[in-house]
Amino acid sequence: MSCPPGNYEKGAKLFKARCTQCHTIDKDGGSKTGPALYGVIGRQSGSVPGYSYTAANKNAGIVWERQTLYEYLENPKKYIPKTKMAFAGFKKKQDRADVVEFMVQECSK
């Protein structure tokens, strides 16, 4: 299923509530428990310098785009088996689309 249009404001709230404990998305944020997400759009999986990824993530061969993020965020451990990302995912399609919209816009700042 393709990624439906998302709402930036709703995505910002969801990202803050569910993602910021492990990730940053601002330009100078750096990695936390999870890798920094600024610039994730167009980036190869497992490629943030200095972050310790699993072999599964490094070797997944995914280029992060709107659609791949939408699919991944439904169930990260199913999308990349043996990833260390503990997040269970956004089950609601619109929540995923909203978070993806937020990420796309934040990464272009």
N, C-alpha and C. Protein backbone atom coordinates (compact mmCIF):
# COMPACT_ATOMS: atom_id res chain seq x y z
N MET A 1 0.83 -1.18 0.00
CA MET A 1 0.00 0.00 0.00
C MET A 1 0.88 1.25 0.00
N SER A 2 0.55 2.21 -0.82
CA SER A 2 1.36 3.41 -0.89
C SER A 2 1.03 4.34 0.28
N CYS A 3 1.99 5.18 0.60
CA CYS A 3 1.86 6.10 1.73
C CYS A 3 0.84 7.18 1.40
N PRO A 4 -0.23 7.28 2.19
CA PRO A 4 -1.21 8.34 1.96
C PRO A 4 -0.65 9.69 2.40
N PRO A 5 -1.30 10.78 2.02
CA PRO A 5 -0.85 12.10 2.47
C PRO A 5 -0.87 12.17 4.00
N GLY A 6 0.12 12.84 4.55
CA GLY A 6 0.20 12.97 6.00
C GLY A 6 0.01 14.40 6.46
N ASN A 7 -0.17 14.57 7.75
CA ASN A 7 -0.35 15.87 8.38
C ASN A 7 0.88 16.18 9.22
N TYR A 8 1.59 17.24 8.85
CA TYR A 8 2.84 17.60 9.52
C TYR A 8 2.64 17.81 11.03
N GLU A 9 1.63 18.58 11.41
CA GLU A 9 1.42 18.90 12.82
C GLU A 9 1.12 17.65 13.65
N LYS A 10 0.25 16.79 13.14
CA LYS A 10 -0.05 15.55 13.85
C LYS A 10 1.19 14.66 13.92
N GLY A 11 1.94 14.63 12.83
CA GLY A 11 3.18 13.84 12.82
C GLY A 11 4.20 14.36 13.82
N ALA A 12 4.28 15.68 13.96
CA ALA A 12 5.21 16.27 14.93
C ALA A 12 4.86 15.82 16.35
N LYS A 13 3.57 15.84 16.68
CA LYS A 13 3.13 15.40 18.01
C LYS A 13 3.43 13.93 18.24
N LEU A 14 3.16 13.09 17.24
CA LEU A 14 3.44 11.66 17.36
C LEU A 14 4.94 11.40 17.48
N PHE A 15 5.72 12.09 16.67
CA PHE A 15 7.18 11.91 16.72
C PHE A 15 7.70 12.29 18.10
N LYS A 16 7.24 13.43 18.61
CA LYS A 16 7.69 13.87 19.94
C LYS A 16 7.30 12.87 21.01
N ALA A 17 6.09 12.34 20.94
CA ALA A 17 5.61 11.41 21.96
C ALA A 17 6.22 10.02 21.86
N ARG A 18 6.52 9.56 20.65
CA ARG A 18 6.89 8.16 20.47
C ARG A 18 8.31 7.92 19.97
N CYS A 19 8.99 8.96 19.48
CA CYS A 19 10.29 8.74 18.84
C CYS A 19 11.46 9.46 19.51
N THR A 20 11.20 10.61 20.13
CA THR A 20 12.31 11.43 20.63
C THR A 20 13.06 10.83 21.81
N GLN A 21 12.49 9.84 22.47
CA GLN A 21 13.25 9.22 23.55
C GLN A 21 14.48 8.47 23.01
N CYS A 22 14.44 8.09 21.73
CA CYS A 22 15.56 7.36 21.14
C CYS A 22 16.23 8.07 19.96
N HIS A 23 15.53 9.01 19.32
CA HIS A 23 16.03 9.64 18.09
C HIS A 23 15.96 11.16 18.16
N THR A 24 16.87 11.79 17.42
CA THR A 24 16.78 13.22 17.15
C THR A 24 16.52 13.37 15.66
N ILE A 25 15.97 14.52 15.27
CA ILE A 25 15.74 14.77 13.86
C ILE A 25 16.23 16.16 13.46
N ASP A 26 16.77 16.91 14.41
CA ASP A 26 17.30 18.23 14.06
C ASP A 26 18.72 18.11 13.53
N LYS A 27 19.12 19.09 12.76
CA LYS A 27 20.39 19.03 12.03
C LYS A 27 21.59 18.71 12.91
N ASP A 28 21.64 19.27 14.09
CA ASP A 28 22.79 19.06 14.98
C ASP A 28 22.47 18.13 16.14
N GLY A 29 21.45 17.29 15.99
CA GLY A 29 20.97 16.46 17.09
C GLY A 29 21.86 15.31 17.49
N GLY A 30 22.50 14.66 16.56
CA GLY A 30 23.33 13.51 16.89
C GLY A 30 22.50 12.30 17.27
N SER A 31 23.17 11.19 17.43
CA SER A 31 22.51 9.93 17.77
C SER A 31 22.28 9.81 19.27
N LYS A 32 21.24 9.08 19.62
CA LYS A 32 20.94 8.76 21.01
C LYS A 32 20.96 7.23 21.10
N THR A 33 19.94 6.62 21.68
CA THR A 33 19.83 5.16 21.67
C THR A 33 19.69 4.67 20.24
N GLY A 34 18.99 5.45 19.42
CA GLY A 34 18.84 5.17 18.00
C GLY A 34 19.62 6.20 17.20
N PRO A 35 19.82 5.95 15.92
CA PRO A 35 20.60 6.88 15.10
C PRO A 35 19.87 8.21 14.87
N ALA A 36 20.65 9.25 14.61
CA ALA A 36 20.09 10.54 14.24
C ALA A 36 19.30 10.37 12.94
N LEU A 37 18.15 11.01 12.87
CA LEU A 37 17.29 10.86 11.70
C LEU A 37 17.33 12.04 10.74
N TYR A 38 18.03 13.11 11.10
CA TYR A 38 18.14 14.22 10.17
C TYR A 38 18.85 13.73 8.91
N GLY A 39 18.28 14.02 7.76
CA GLY A 39 18.87 13.58 6.50
C GLY A 39 18.56 12.15 6.13
N VAL A 40 17.62 11.51 6.82
CA VAL A 40 17.32 10.10 6.56
C VAL A 40 16.76 9.88 5.15
N ILE A 41 16.05 10.86 4.61
CA ILE A 41 15.46 10.70 3.28
C ILE A 41 16.58 10.62 2.24
N GLY A 42 16.58 9.53 1.50
CA GLY A 42 17.61 9.30 0.50
C GLY A 42 18.86 8.61 1.02
N ARG A 43 18.88 8.31 2.31
CA ARG A 43 20.06 7.69 2.94
C ARG A 43 19.93 6.17 2.94
N GLN A 44 21.02 5.49 2.81
CA GLN A 44 21.11 4.03 2.87
C GLN A 44 20.94 3.58 4.32
N SER A 45 20.20 2.51 4.55
CA SER A 45 20.04 1.97 5.90
C SER A 45 21.40 1.61 6.49
N GLY A 46 21.52 1.83 7.79
CA GLY A 46 22.75 1.45 8.49
C GLY A 46 23.96 2.30 8.16
N SER A 47 23.76 3.59 7.87
CA SER A 47 24.89 4.38 7.39
C SER A 47 25.21 5.66 8.16
N VAL A 48 24.62 5.88 9.34
CA VAL A 48 24.98 7.08 10.11
C VAL A 48 26.35 6.85 10.73
N PRO A 49 27.31 7.70 10.40
CA PRO A 49 28.67 7.52 10.95
C PRO A 49 28.68 7.50 12.47
N GLY A 50 29.40 6.55 13.02
CA GLY A 50 29.56 6.46 14.46
C GLY A 50 28.45 5.73 15.20
N TYR A 51 27.36 5.39 14.52
CA TYR A 51 26.29 4.66 15.19
C TYR A 51 26.51 3.16 15.02
N SER A 52 26.30 2.39 16.08
CA SER A 52 26.53 0.95 16.06
C SER A 52 25.25 0.20 15.63
N TYR A 53 25.16 -0.10 14.35
CA TYR A 53 24.01 -0.81 13.79
C TYR A 53 24.21 -2.32 13.87
N THR A 54 23.10 -3.05 13.80
CA THR A 54 23.18 -4.50 13.65
C THR A 54 23.59 -4.81 12.21
N ALA A 55 24.12 -5.98 12.00
CA ALA A 55 24.46 -6.41 10.64
C ALA A 55 23.20 -6.43 9.76
N ALA A 56 22.08 -6.80 10.35
CA ALA A 56 20.82 -6.85 9.59
C ALA A 56 20.49 -5.48 9.02
N ASN A 57 20.65 -4.43 9.80
CA ASN A 57 20.34 -3.09 9.33
C ASN A 57 21.37 -2.62 8.31
N LYS A 58 22.64 -2.85 8.57
CA LYS A 58 23.69 -2.45 7.63
C LYS A 58 23.53 -3.13 6.28
N ASN A 59 23.10 -4.39 6.30
CA ASN A 59 23.03 -5.17 5.07
C ASN A 59 21.65 -5.19 4.42
N ALA A 60 20.71 -4.44 4.96
CA ALA A 60 19.34 -4.46 4.44
C ALA A 60 19.23 -3.89 3.03
N GLY A 61 20.13 -2.98 2.67
CA GLY A 61 20.11 -2.41 1.33
C GLY A 61 18.92 -1.51 1.05
N ILE A 62 18.39 -0.89 2.08
CA ILE A 62 17.21 -0.03 1.94
C ILE A 62 17.67 1.42 1.78
N VAL A 63 17.06 2.11 0.86
CA VAL A 63 17.24 3.56 0.77
C VAL A 63 15.95 4.15 1.34
N TRP A 64 16.11 4.96 2.37
CA TRP A 64 14.95 5.50 3.06
C TRP A 64 14.29 6.61 2.25
N GLU A 65 13.07 6.35 1.87
CA GLU A 65 12.22 7.30 1.15
C GLU A 65 10.86 7.30 1.85
N ARG A 66 9.96 8.13 1.40
CA ARG A 66 8.62 8.21 2.00
C ARG A 66 7.98 6.81 2.11
N GLN A 67 8.00 6.05 1.03
CA GLN A 67 7.34 4.75 1.00
C GLN A 67 8.03 3.72 1.90
N THR A 68 9.36 3.67 1.86
CA THR A 68 10.06 2.68 2.68
C THR A 68 9.88 2.99 4.17
N LEU A 69 9.91 4.26 4.53
CA LEU A 69 9.67 4.62 5.93
C LEU A 69 8.25 4.24 6.36
N TYR A 70 7.28 4.49 5.49
CA TYR A 70 5.89 4.14 5.79
C TYR A 70 5.75 2.64 6.06
N GLU A 71 6.38 1.84 5.23
CA GLU A 71 6.32 0.38 5.40
C GLU A 71 7.08 -0.05 6.65
N TYR A 72 8.26 0.49 6.87
CA TYR A 72 9.10 0.14 8.01
C TYR A 72 8.42 0.47 9.33
N LEU A 73 7.81 1.65 9.41
CA LEU A 73 7.25 2.10 10.67
C LEU A 73 5.99 1.34 11.10
N GLU A 74 5.46 0.49 10.24
CA GLU A 74 4.34 -0.36 10.65
C GLU A 74 4.81 -1.42 11.63
N ASN A 75 5.98 -2.01 11.35
CA ASN A 75 6.51 -3.08 12.20
C ASN A 75 8.00 -3.23 11.88
N PRO A 76 8.85 -2.42 12.53
CA PRO A 76 10.29 -2.43 12.21
C PRO A 76 10.95 -3.80 12.26
N LYS A 77 10.61 -4.61 13.25
CA LYS A 77 11.26 -5.93 13.38
C LYS A 77 10.83 -6.90 12.29
N LYS A 78 9.67 -6.70 11.72
CA LYS A 78 9.24 -7.53 10.59
C LYS A 78 9.90 -7.05 9.29
N TYR A 79 10.03 -5.74 9.15
CA TYR A 79 10.61 -5.16 7.94
C TYR A 79 12.11 -5.44 7.84
N ILE A 80 12.81 -5.33 8.96
CA ILE A 80 14.24 -5.68 9.02
C ILE A 80 14.41 -6.65 10.19
N PRO A 81 14.26 -7.95 9.92
CA PRO A 81 14.46 -8.92 11.00
C PRO A 81 15.84 -8.77 11.65
N LYS A 82 15.87 -8.89 12.95
CA LYS A 82 17.08 -8.78 13.77
C LYS A 82 17.58 -7.35 13.95
N THR A 83 16.75 -6.37 13.62
CA THR A 83 17.11 -4.99 13.95
C THR A 83 17.03 -4.84 15.47
N LYS A 84 17.77 -3.91 16.02
CA LYS A 84 17.69 -3.71 17.47
C LYS A 84 16.67 -2.65 17.86
N MET A 85 15.97 -2.10 16.87
CA MET A 85 14.94 -1.11 17.19
C MET A 85 13.81 -1.79 17.95
N ALA A 86 13.58 -1.32 19.17
CA ALA A 86 12.60 -1.97 20.05
C ALA A 86 11.17 -1.50 19.80
N PHE A 87 10.99 -0.42 19.08
CA PHE A 87 9.67 0.15 18.85
C PHE A 87 8.77 -0.82 18.08
N ALA A 88 7.57 -1.03 18.57
CA ALA A 88 6.65 -1.99 17.96
C ALA A 88 6.03 -1.49 16.66
N GLY A 89 6.02 -0.19 16.45
CA GLY A 89 5.49 0.36 15.21
C GLY A 89 4.23 1.17 15.40
N PHE A 90 3.86 1.88 14.34
CA PHE A 90 2.60 2.62 14.28
C PHE A 90 1.63 1.76 13.50
N LYS A 91 0.64 1.21 14.15
CA LYS A 91 -0.31 0.31 13.49
C LYS A 91 -1.32 1.05 12.63
N LYS A 92 -1.67 2.28 13.03
CA LYS A 92 -2.65 3.05 12.26
C LYS A 92 -1.97 3.66 11.04
N LYS A 93 -2.54 3.43 9.88
CA LYS A 93 -1.98 3.92 8.62
C LYS A 93 -1.79 5.43 8.65
N GLN A 94 -2.79 6.14 9.15
CA GLN A 94 -2.69 7.60 9.14
C GLN A 94 -1.62 8.11 10.10
N ASP A 95 -1.45 7.45 11.23
CA ASP A 95 -0.37 7.84 12.15
C ASP A 95 0.98 7.69 11.45
N ARG A 96 1.18 6.59 10.75
CA ARG A 96 2.43 6.39 10.02
C ARG A 96 2.63 7.48 8.97
N ALA A 97 1.58 7.75 8.21
CA ALA A 97 1.68 8.77 7.17
C ALA A 97 2.01 10.14 7.77
N ASP A 98 1.41 10.44 8.91
CA ASP A 98 1.67 11.73 9.57
C ASP A 98 3.12 11.82 10.04
N VAL A 99 3.64 10.77 10.63
CA VAL A 99 5.04 10.77 11.09
C VAL A 99 5.99 10.87 9.89
N VAL A 100 5.70 10.16 8.84
CA VAL A 100 6.54 10.23 7.64
C VAL A 100 6.53 11.65 7.08
N GLU A 101 5.37 12.27 7.01
CA GLU A 101 5.29 13.66 6.52
C GLU A 101 6.13 14.59 7.37
N PHE A 102 6.05 14.43 8.67
CA PHE A 102 6.87 15.24 9.58
C PHE A 102 8.36 15.00 9.29
N MET A 103 8.76 13.75 9.17
CA MET A 103 10.17 13.43 8.94
C MET A 103 10.66 14.00 7.61
N VAL A 104 9.86 13.85 6.57
CA VAL A 104 10.24 14.37 5.25
C VAL A 104 10.47 15.88 5.32
N GLN A 105 9.55 16.58 5.95
CA GLN A 105 9.68 18.04 6.02
C GLN A 105 10.84 18.47 6.92
N GLU A 106 11.01 17.80 8.05
CA GLU A 106 12.11 18.16 8.96
C GLU A 106 13.47 17.90 8.33
N CYS A 107 13.57 16.86 7.54
CA CYS A 107 14.85 16.52 6.92
C CYS A 107 15.22 17.47 5.78
N SER A 108 14.26 18.27 5.34
CA SER A 108 14.57 19.20 4.25
C SER A 108 14.89 20.60 4.76
N LYS A 109 14.91 20.78 6.06
CA LYS A 109 15.21 22.11 6.65
C LYS A 109 16.70 22.38 6.66
